[in-house]
PDB file of N, CA and C in Angstrom:
ATOM      1  N   MET A   1       4.280   4.193  10.233  1.00  0.00           N
ATOM      2  CA  MET A   1       3.838   3.320   9.067  1.00  0.00           C
ATOM      3  C   MET A   1       3.450   4.167   7.825  1.00  0.00           C
ATOM      4  N   VAL A   2       3.553   3.241   6.604  1.00  0.00           N
ATOM      5  CA  VAL A   2       3.364   4.219   5.515  1.00  0.00           C
ATOM      6  C   VAL A   2       1.987   3.691   4.941  1.00  0.00           C
ATOM      7  N   ILE A   3       1.030   4.685   4.490  1.00  0.00           N
ATOM      8  CA  ILE A   3       0.000   4.443   3.981  1.00  0.00           C
ATOM      9  C   ILE A   3       0.057   5.093   2.589  1.00  0.00           C
ATOM     10  N   ALA A   4      -0.237   4.263   1.458  1.00  0.00           N
ATOM     11  CA  ALA A   4      -0.080   4.975   0.052  1.00  0.00           C
ATOM     12  C   ALA A   4      -1.017   4.305  -0.546  1.00  0.00           C
ATOM     13  N   ASP A   5      -1.710   5.262  -1.618  1.00  0.00           N
ATOM     14  CA  ASP A   5      -2.263   4.996  -2.706  1.00  0.00           C
ATOM     15  C   ASP A   5      -1.544   4.239  -3.502  1.00  0.00           C
ATOM     16  N   HIS A   6      -2.195   3.373  -4.374  1.00  0.00           N
ATOM     17  CA  HIS A   6      -1.501   2.412  -5.251  1.00  0.00           C
ATOM     18  C   HIS A   6      -1.009   3.372  -6.738  1.00  0.00           C
ATOM     19  N   ARG A   7      -2.089   4.400  -6.921  1.00  0.00           N
ATOM     20  CA  ARG A   7      -1.499   5.352  -8.214  1.00  0.00           C
ATOM     21  C   ARG A   7      -1.277   6.475  -7.619  1.00  0.00           C
ATOM     22  N   LEU A   8      -0.385   7.013  -7.889  1.00  0.00           N
ATOM     23  CA  LEU A   8      -0.121   8.544  -6.849  1.00  0.00           C
ATOM     24  C   LEU A   8       0.000   9.700  -7.992  1.00  0.00           C
ATOM     25  N   GLY A   9      -0.223   9.185  -9.167  1.00  0.00           N
ATOM     26  CA  GLY A   9      -0.029  10.166 -10.253  1.00  0.00           C
ATOM     27  C   GLY A   9       1.245  10.249 -11.180  1.00  0.00           C
ATOM     28  N   SER A  10       1.256  10.728 -12.262  1.00  0.00           N
ATOM     29  CA  SER A  10       2.522  10.833 -13.360  1.00  0.00           C
ATOM     30  C   SER A  10       3.399   9.592 -13.103  1.00  0.00           C
ATOM     31  N   GLY A  11       2.549   8.384 -13.095  1.00  0.00           N
ATOM     32  CA  GLY A  11       3.348   6.989 -13.368  1.00  0.00           C
ATOM     33  C   GLY A  11       3.750   6.536 -12.095  1.00  0.00           C
ATOM     34  N   LEU A  12       3.794   7.505 -11.175  1.00  0.00           N
ATOM     35  CA  LEU A  12       4.335   6.783  -9.781  1.00  0.00           C
ATOM     36  C   LEU A  12       3.432   5.933  -8.805  1.00  0.00           C
ATOM     37  N   LYS A  13       3.924   4.922  -8.513  1.00  0.00           N
ATOM     38  CA  LYS A  13       3.017   3.837  -7.708  1.00  0.00           C
ATOM     39  C   LYS A  13       3.334   3.683  -6.128  1.00  0.00           C
ATOM     40  N   GLY A  14       2.284   3.383  -5.436  1.00  0.00           N
ATOM     41  CA  GLY A  14       2.333   3.535  -3.862  1.00  0.00           C
ATOM     42  C   GLY A  14       3.596   2.621  -3.667  1.00  0.00           C
ATOM     43  N   VAL A  15       3.706   1.364  -4.130  1.00  0.00           N
ATOM     44  CA  VAL A  15       4.595   0.045  -3.876  1.00  0.00           C
ATOM     45  C   VAL A  15       5.981   0.888  -4.015  1.00  0.00           C
ATOM     46  N   ALA A  16       6.350   1.331  -5.004  1.00  0.00           N
ATOM     47  CA  ALA A  16       7.713   2.169  -5.421  1.00  0.00           C
ATOM     48  C   ALA A  16       7.850   3.133  -4.406  1.00  0.00           C
ATOM     49  N   ALA A  17       6.891   3.900  -4.123  1.00  0.00           N
ATOM     50  CA  ALA A  17       6.975   5.161  -3.080  1.00  0.00           C
ATOM     51  C   ALA A  17       7.526   4.628  -1.582  1.00  0.00           C
ATOM     52  N   ALA A  18       6.769   3.479  -1.375  1.00  0.00           N
ATOM     53  CA  ALA A  18       7.082   2.837   0.179  1.00  0.00           C
ATOM     54  C   ALA A  18       8.419   2.036   0.016  1.00  0.00           C
ATOM     55  N   LYS A  19       8.703   1.459  -1.138  1.00  0.00           N
ATOM     56  CA  LYS A  19       9.982   0.967  -1.064  1.00  0.00           C
ATOM     57  C   LYS A  19      11.230   1.917  -0.856  1.00  0.00           C
ATOM     58  N   GLU A  20      10.945   2.978  -1.761  1.00  0.00           N
ATOM     59  CA  GLU A  20      11.777   4.172  -1.712  1.00  0.00           C
ATOM     60  C   GLU A  20      12.121   4.692  -0.124  1.00  0.00           C
ATOM     61  N   ILE A  21      10.928   4.751   0.395  1.00  0.00           N
ATOM     62  CA  ILE A  21      10.883   5.330   2.040  1.00  0.00           C
ATOM     63  C   ILE A  21      11.677   4.220   2.879  1.00  0.00           C
ATOM     64  N   VAL A  22      11.597   2.891   2.460  1.00  0.00           N
ATOM     65  CA  VAL A  22      12.183   2.232   3.365  1.00  0.00           C
ATOM     66  C   VAL A  22      13.657   2.038   3.025  1.00  0.00           C
ATOM     67  N   TRP A  23      14.110   2.156   1.472  1.00  0.00           N
ATOM     68  CA  TRP A  23      15.399   2.381   1.381  1.00  0.00           C
ATOM     69  C   TRP A  23      16.249   3.462   2.112  1.00  0.00           C
ATOM     70  N   ARG A  24      15.479   4.824   2.120  1.00  0.00           N
ATOM     71  CA  ARG A  24      15.937   5.815   2.381  1.00  0.00           C
ATOM     72  C   ARG A  24      15.964   5.688   3.995  1.00  0.00           C
ATOM     73  N   ALA A  25      15.115   5.369   4.820  1.00  0.00           N
ATOM     74  CA  ALA A  25      15.152   5.432   6.115  1.00  0.00           C
ATOM     75  C   ALA A  25      16.061   4.227   6.827  1.00  0.00           C
ATOM     76  N   GLY A  26      16.473   3.209   5.781  1.00  0.00           N
ATOM     77  CA  GLY A  26      17.458   2.167   6.156  1.00  0.00           C
ATOM     78  C   GLY A  26      16.592   1.080   6.975  1.00  0.00           C
ATOM     79  N   HIS A  27      15.369   1.114   7.280  1.00  0.00           N
ATOM     80  CA  HIS A  27      14.617   0.090   8.026  1.00  0.00           C
ATOM     81  C   HIS A  27      13.101   0.051   7.377  1.00  0.00           C
ATOM     82  N   ALA A  28      12.487  -1.020   7.502  1.00  0.00           N
ATOM     83  CA  ALA A  28      11.021  -1.486   7.380  1.00  0.00           C
ATOM     84  C   ALA A  28      10.046  -0.761   7.960  1.00  0.00           C
ATOM     85  N   PHE A  29       8.968  -0.362   7.387  1.00  0.00           N
ATOM     86  CA  PHE A  29       7.863   0.102   8.251  1.00  0.00           C
ATOM     87  C   PHE A  29       6.723  -0.720   7.758  1.00  0.00           C
ATOM     88  N   PRO A  30       5.744  -0.952   8.700  1.00  0.00           N
ATOM     89  CA  PRO A  30       4.462  -1.473   8.287  1.00  0.00           C
ATOM     90  C   PRO A  30       4.026  -0.483   7.125  1.00  0.00           C
ATOM     91  N   THR A  31       3.513  -1.237   6.163  1.00  0.00           N
ATOM     92  CA  THR A  31       2.968  -0.375   4.862  1.00  0.00           C
ATOM     93  C   THR A  31       1.675  -1.004   4.526  1.00  0.00           C
ATOM     94  N   LEU A  32       0.748  -0.210   4.181  1.00  0.00           N
ATOM     95  CA  LEU A  32      -0.684  -0.273   3.811  1.00  0.00           C
ATOM     96  C   LEU A  32      -0.736   0.318   2.468  1.00  0.00           C
ATOM     97  N   VAL A  33      -1.003  -0.152   1.204  1.00  0.00           N
ATOM     98  CA  VAL A  33      -1.243   0.226   0.021  1.00  0.00           C
ATOM     99  C   VAL A  33      -2.930   0.244  -0.355  1.00  0.00           C
ATOM    100  N   LEU A  34      -3.429   1.107  -0.508  1.00  0.00           N
ATOM    101  CA  LEU A  34      -4.747   1.410  -0.950  1.00  0.00           C
ATOM    102  C   LEU A  34      -4.924   1.500  -2.408  1.00  0.00           C
ATOM    103  N   SER A  35      -6.043   0.451  -3.076  1.00  0.00           N
ATOM    104  CA  SER A  35      -6.122   0.572  -4.296  1.00  0.00           C
ATOM    105  C   SER A  35      -7.760   0.218  -4.840  1.00  0.00           C
ATOM    106  N   GLY A  36      -8.177   0.829  -5.967  1.00  0.00           N
ATOM    107  CA  GLY A  36      -9.359   0.678  -6.362  1.00  0.00           C
ATOM    108  C   GLY A  36      -9.169  -0.185  -7.512  1.00  0.00           C
ATOM    109  N   ASP A  37      -7.995  -0.749  -7.855  1.00  0.00           N
ATOM    110  CA  ASP A  37      -7.671  -1.407  -9.123  1.00  0.00           C
ATOM    111  C   ASP A  37      -8.082  -2.873  -8.939  1.00  0.00           C
ATOM    112  N   THR A  38      -8.796  -3.515  -9.808  1.00  0.00           N
ATOM    113  CA  THR A  38      -9.347  -4.681  -9.846  1.00  0.00           C
ATOM    114  C   THR A  38      -8.624  -5.706 -10.711  1.00  0.00           C
ATOM    115  N   ALA A  39      -7.779  -5.114 -11.419  1.00  0.00           N
ATOM    116  CA  ALA A  39      -7.030  -5.979 -12.276  1.00  0.00           C
ATOM    117  C   ALA A  39      -6.095  -7.072 -11.616  1.00  0.00           C
ATOM    118  N   LYS A  40      -6.170  -8.409 -11.949  1.00  0.00           N
ATOM    119  CA  LYS A  40      -5.470  -9.482 -11.198  1.00  0.00           C
ATOM    120  C   LYS A  40      -3.825  -9.130 -11.288  1.00  0.00           C
ATOM    121  N   GLU A  41      -3.549  -8.323 -12.591  1.00  0.00           N
ATOM    122  CA  GLU A  41      -1.867  -8.203 -12.499  1.00  0.00           C
ATOM    123  C   GLU A  41      -1.661  -7.077 -11.515  1.00  0.00           C
ATOM    124  N   ARG A  42      -2.435  -5.952 -11.362  1.00  0.00           N
ATOM    125  CA  ARG A  42      -2.264  -4.888 -10.212  1.00  0.00           C
ATOM    126  C   ARG A  42      -2.355  -5.449  -8.955  1.00  0.00           C
ATOM    127  N   ILE A  43      -3.120  -6.637  -8.483  1.00  0.00           N
ATOM    128  CA  ILE A  43      -3.440  -7.197  -7.493  1.00  0.00           C
ATOM    129  C   ILE A  43      -2.161  -8.000  -6.897  1.00  0.00           C
ATOM    130  N   ALA A  44      -1.580  -8.479  -8.001  1.00  0.00           N
ATOM    131  CA  ALA A  44      -0.363  -9.591  -7.781  1.00  0.00           C
ATOM    132  C   ALA A  44       0.663  -8.660  -7.601  1.00  0.00           C
ATOM    133  N   GLU A  45       0.583  -7.499  -8.289  1.00  0.00           N
ATOM    134  CA  GLU A  45       2.035  -6.759  -8.191  1.00  0.00           C
ATOM    135  C   GLU A  45       2.120  -6.257  -6.689  1.00  0.00           C
ATOM    136  N   ILE A  46       0.914  -5.833  -6.260  1.00  0.00           N
ATOM    137  CA  ILE A  46       1.078  -5.183  -4.703  1.00  0.00           C
ATOM    138  C   ILE A  46       1.303  -6.441  -3.921  1.00  0.00           C
ATOM    139  N   ALA A  47       0.619  -7.670  -4.016  1.00  0.00           N
ATOM    140  CA  ALA A  47       0.725  -8.776  -3.088  1.00  0.00           C
ATOM    141  C   ALA A  47       2.303  -9.130  -3.159  1.00  0.00           C
ATOM    142  N   ALA A  48       2.812  -9.113  -4.233  1.00  0.00           N
ATOM    143  CA  ALA A  48       4.120  -9.635  -4.477  1.00  0.00           C
ATOM    144  C   ALA A  48       5.200  -8.753  -3.756  1.00  0.00           C
ATOM    145  N   SER A  49       4.644  -7.418  -3.173  1.00  0.00           N
ATOM    146  CA  SER A  49       5.621  -6.296  -2.582  1.00  0.00           C
ATOM    147  C   SER A  49       5.483  -6.686  -1.177  1.00  0.00           C
ATOM    148  N   GLY A  50       4.954  -7.764  -0.447  1.00  0.00           N
ATOM    149  CA  GLY A  50       4.616  -8.067   0.863  1.00  0.00           C
ATOM    150  C   GLY A  50       3.969  -6.979   1.732  1.00  0.00           C
ATOM    151  N   PHE A  51       3.422  -5.993   1.139  1.00  0.00           N
ATOM    152  CA  PHE A  51       2.658  -4.927   1.662  1.00  0.00           C
ATOM    153  C   PHE A  51       1.329  -5.399   1.724  1.00  0.00           C
ATOM    154  N   GLU A  52       0.440  -5.004   2.866  1.00  0.00           N
ATOM    155  CA  GLU A  52      -0.864  -4.978   2.735  1.00  0.00           C
ATOM    156  C   GLU A  52      -1.493  -4.191   2.096  1.00  0.00           C
ATOM    157  N   MET A  53      -2.753  -4.682   1.548  1.00  0.00           N
ATOM    158  CA  MET A  53      -3.496  -4.096   0.574  1.00  0.00           C
ATOM    159  C   MET A  53      -4.783  -3.812   1.025  1.00  0.00           C
ATOM    160  N   LEU A  54      -5.570  -3.079   0.889  1.00  0.00           N
ATOM    161  CA  LEU A  54      -6.967  -2.661   1.014  1.00  0.00           C
ATOM    162  C   LEU A  54      -7.664  -2.164  -0.079  1.00  0.00           C
ATOM    163  N   HIS A  55      -8.740  -2.513  -0.557  1.00  0.00           N
ATOM    164  CA  HIS A  55      -9.387  -2.011  -1.574  1.00  0.00           C
ATOM    165  C   HIS A  55     -10.236  -0.759  -1.518  1.00  0.00           C
ATOM    166  N   LYS A  56     -10.271   0.120  -2.171  1.00  0.00           N
ATOM    167  CA  LYS A  56     -11.104   1.312  -2.265  1.00  0.00           C
ATOM    168  C   LYS A  56     -12.337   0.939  -2.614  1.00  0.00           C
ATOM    169  N   PRO A  57     -13.575   1.624  -2.194  1.00  0.00           N
ATOM    170  CA  PRO A  57     -13.472   2.538  -1.012  1.00  0.00           C
ATOM    171  C   PRO A  57     -13.331   1.764   0.293  1.00  0.00           C
ATOM    172  N   VAL A  58     -12.623   2.303   1.095  1.00  0.00           N
ATOM    173  CA  VAL A  58     -12.011   1.638   2.633  1.00  0.00           C
ATOM    174  C   VAL A  58     -12.932   2.288   3.479  1.00  0.00           C
ATOM    175  N   GLY A  59     -13.830   1.229   4.179  1.00  0.00           N
ATOM    176  CA  GLY A  59     -14.791   1.831   5.052  1.00  0.00           C
ATOM    177  C   GLY A  59     -13.861   2.275   6.542  1.00  0.00           C
ATOM    178  N   SER A  60     -14.288   3.227   7.142  1.00  0.00           N
ATOM    179  CA  SER A  60     -13.545   3.147   8.617  1.00  0.00           C
ATOM    180  C   SER A  60     -13.163   2.308   9.405  1.00  0.00           C
ATOM    181  N   ASP A  61     -13.967   1.450   9.690  1.00  0.00           N
ATOM    182  CA  ASP A  61     -13.792   0.379  10.407  1.00  0.00           C
ATOM    183  C   ASP A  61     -12.449  -0.748   9.788  1.00  0.00           C
ATOM    184  N   ASP A  62     -12.596  -1.123   8.541  1.00  0.00           N
ATOM    185  CA  ASP A  62     -11.617  -1.937   7.867  1.00  0.00           C
ATOM    186  C   ASP A  62     -10.120  -1.000   7.871  1.00  0.00           C
ATOM    187  N   LEU A  63     -10.268   0.369   7.882  1.00  0.00           N
ATOM    188  CA  LEU A  63      -8.908   1.113   8.017  1.00  0.00           C
ATOM    189  C   LEU A  63      -8.661   0.984   9.572  1.00  0.00           C
ATOM    190  N   ARG A  64      -9.304   1.254  10.275  1.00  0.00           N
ATOM    191  CA  ARG A  64      -8.943   1.009  11.845  1.00  0.00           C
ATOM    192  C   ARG A  64      -8.543  -0.412  12.174  1.00  0.00           C
ATOM    193  N   ARG A  65      -9.338  -1.469  11.771  1.00  0.00           N
ATOM    194  CA  ARG A  65      -8.770  -2.817  11.791  1.00  0.00           C
ATOM    195  C   ARG A  65      -7.192  -2.887  11.184  1.00  0.00           C
ATOM    196  N   ALA A  66      -7.063  -2.271   9.958  1.00  0.00           N
ATOM    197  CA  ALA A  66      -5.672  -2.801   9.654  1.00  0.00           C
ATOM    198  C   ALA A  66      -4.329  -1.692  10.282  1.00  0.00           C
ATOM    199  N   LEU A  67      -5.301  -0.441  10.744  1.00  0.00           N
ATOM    200  CA  LEU A  67      -4.252   0.155  11.296  1.00  0.00           C
ATOM    201  C   LEU A  67      -3.716  -0.345  12.712  1.00  0.00           C
ATOM    202  N   SER A  68      -4.918  -0.980  13.572  1.00  0.00           N
ATOM    203  CA  SER A  68      -4.687  -1.861  14.804  1.00  0.00           C
ATOM    204  C   SER A  68      -3.743  -2.819  14.781  1.00  0.00           C
ATOM    205  N   LEU A  69      -3.485  -3.633  13.720  1.00  0.00           N
ATOM    206  CA  LEU A  69      -2.658  -4.712  13.418  1.00  0.00           C
ATOM    207  C   LEU A  69      -1.404  -4.405  13.358  1.00  0.00           C
ATOM    208  N   ARG A  70      -1.025  -3.143  13.435  1.00  0.00           N
ATOM    209  CA  ARG A  70       0.358  -2.759  13.317  1.00  0.00           C
ATOM    210  C   ARG A  70       1.073  -2.233  14.798  1.00  0.00           C
TER     211      ARG A  70
END
């Protein structure tokens, strides 16, 4: 499983990093993107990736639930 923050710094985004991991590995992984961003454009960008998203702050119960579904 890949868990990535949406904004990783230096302009790198979690969606791009997760796609790179998938490309290099040659197969898909369940992926969870965490974001504190509430802009509709960013949410749409993450949704379009097909990856699951959780909004920060993420509670432990929400994280456990998301991980258990994988």
